[in-house]
Amino acid sequence: GFSSESGSTDQIVIPGYGEILLAADTRDVMLVLPNPSGNPCYFRFSILLKESGEVIYTSGLVPPGKAIEELRLKRELAKGDYPAIIQIETFSLDGSLTPMNGANVETVLNLR
């Protein structure tokens, strides 16, 4: 886990991702992006194509214990393997939405 920048002892649990299988030639995909229960923060997920840095998806705020299960990409991707980064930004739950530590998780989008 990660501790917040304020030095709090609250730990942020960041999920890992292996290769992600998705359907090609559609913007609507089934992909679970969870914010584990017990986290002291909201998550906002972005998916970026590693080579270009293009953001192909950005979520709203996801509270602890909830997940995004379906999402709509900004554009369709053809069949192939796409090195990608799942960027996880974290924000405090106290109403101020103060940014906290986040993470960049590398993965491969395998579109078939």
Protein backbone atom coordinates (compact mmCIF):
# COMPACT_ATOMS: atom_id res chain seq x y z
CA GLY A 1 0.00 0.00 0.00
CA PHE A 2 0.86 3.64 -0.12
CA SER A 3 0.57 6.25 2.61
CA SER A 4 -0.99 9.61 1.94
CA GLU A 5 1.25 12.62 1.35
CA SER A 6 0.09 14.13 4.66
CA GLY A 7 1.95 11.36 6.47
CA SER A 8 -1.25 9.61 7.53
CA THR A 9 -0.91 5.95 8.42
CA ASP A 10 -3.97 5.09 6.31
CA GLN A 11 -2.87 2.67 3.61
CA ILE A 12 -4.16 2.87 0.03
CA VAL A 13 -4.48 -0.52 -1.63
CA ILE A 14 -3.80 -0.35 -5.39
CA PRO A 15 -5.02 -3.31 -7.50
CA GLY A 16 -2.70 -4.90 -10.04
CA TYR A 17 -3.59 -5.91 -13.58
CA GLY A 18 -2.18 -8.57 -15.87
CA GLU A 19 -2.90 -8.67 -19.58
CA ILE A 20 -6.46 -7.43 -20.20
CA LEU A 21 -8.56 -9.16 -22.89
CA LEU A 22 -11.10 -6.92 -24.63
CA ALA A 23 -13.29 -7.05 -27.72
CA ALA A 24 -11.89 -5.16 -30.72
CA ASP A 25 -13.77 -2.60 -32.81
CA THR A 26 -16.14 -1.45 -30.08
CA ARG A 27 -16.09 1.40 -27.58
CA ASP A 28 -18.17 -0.45 -24.95
CA VAL A 29 -16.09 -2.92 -22.95
CA MET A 30 -16.47 -5.05 -19.84
CA LEU A 31 -13.56 -4.34 -17.50
CA VAL A 32 -13.58 -4.31 -13.71
CA LEU A 33 -11.71 -1.38 -12.14
CA PRO A 34 -12.17 -1.67 -8.36
CA ASN A 35 -11.46 0.61 -5.45
CA PRO A 36 -10.84 -1.95 -2.67
CA SER A 37 -12.94 -1.75 0.51
CA GLY A 38 -11.22 0.02 3.36
CA ASN A 39 -9.32 2.52 1.21
CA PRO A 40 -9.35 6.03 2.72
CA CYS A 41 -10.00 7.67 -0.66
CA TYR A 42 -11.88 7.87 -3.92
CA PHE A 43 -10.21 6.50 -7.08
CA ARG A 44 -10.33 8.05 -10.55
CA PHE A 45 -9.12 5.71 -13.29
CA SER A 46 -7.61 6.73 -16.62
CA ILE A 47 -6.38 4.33 -19.30
CA LEU A 48 -3.56 5.64 -21.48
CA LEU A 49 -1.91 4.07 -24.50
CA LYS A 50 1.73 3.83 -23.46
CA GLU A 51 3.35 4.66 -26.82
CA SER A 52 1.37 7.84 -27.55
CA GLY A 53 0.15 8.86 -24.10
CA GLU A 54 -3.37 9.09 -25.53
CA VAL A 55 -6.06 8.88 -22.85
CA ILE A 56 -8.72 6.44 -24.06
CA TYR A 57 -10.81 6.38 -20.88
CA THR A 58 -11.33 8.45 -17.73
CA SER A 59 -13.76 7.51 -14.97
CA GLY A 60 -15.64 9.55 -12.43
CA LEU A 61 -14.83 9.14 -8.74
CA VAL A 62 -15.17 5.58 -7.43
CA PRO A 63 -15.77 5.19 -3.67
CA PRO A 64 -14.10 2.45 -1.59
CA GLY A 65 -15.78 -0.95 -2.00
CA LYS A 66 -17.20 -0.03 -5.42
CA ALA A 67 -16.00 -0.77 -8.95
CA ILE A 68 -16.51 0.21 -12.54
CA GLU A 69 -17.61 -2.91 -14.41
CA GLU A 70 -18.45 -1.53 -17.85
CA LEU A 71 -16.86 1.42 -19.56
CA ARG A 72 -16.95 3.31 -22.82
CA LEU A 73 -13.63 4.05 -24.53
CA LYS A 74 -13.13 7.39 -26.26
CA ARG A 75 -12.58 5.53 -29.53
CA GLU A 76 -12.58 2.01 -30.95
CA LEU A 77 -9.31 0.10 -31.09
CA ALA A 78 -8.52 -2.44 -33.82
CA LYS A 79 -7.34 -5.98 -33.06
CA GLY A 80 -3.88 -6.15 -31.56
CA ASP A 81 -1.86 -5.71 -28.40
CA TYR A 82 -1.58 -2.24 -26.90
CA PRO A 83 0.86 -1.53 -24.08
CA ALA A 84 -1.11 0.67 -21.69
CA ILE A 85 -1.03 2.41 -18.34
CA ILE A 86 -3.91 2.39 -15.89
CA GLN A 87 -3.45 5.65 -14.02
CA ILE A 88 -5.11 5.71 -10.60
CA GLU A 89 -5.57 9.12 -8.99
CA THR A 90 -6.74 9.21 -5.38
CA PHE A 91 -8.75 11.87 -3.55
CA SER A 92 -9.69 12.26 0.11
CA LEU A 93 -13.14 11.25 1.31
CA ASP A 94 -13.58 14.31 3.57
CA GLY A 95 -15.39 16.45 1.00
CA SER A 96 -12.32 18.51 0.10
CA LEU A 97 -11.27 15.91 -2.52
CA THR A 98 -7.64 16.62 -1.66
CA PRO A 99 -5.35 14.71 -4.04
CA MET A 100 -3.45 11.87 -2.38
CA ASN A 101 -0.84 9.42 -3.67
CA GLY A 102 -1.76 7.55 -6.82
CA ALA A 103 -0.20 4.95 -9.04
CA ASN A 104 0.51 4.06 -12.66
CA VAL A 105 -0.03 0.36 -13.35
CA GLU A 106 1.42 -1.01 -16.58
CA THR A 107 -0.59 -3.59 -18.52
CA VAL A 108 -1.29 -4.77 -22.06
CA LEU A 109 -4.70 -4.40 -23.71
CA ASN A 110 -5.20 -7.51 -25.87
CA LEU A 111 -7.99 -6.74 -28.34
CA ARG A 112 -9.45 -9.69 -30.21
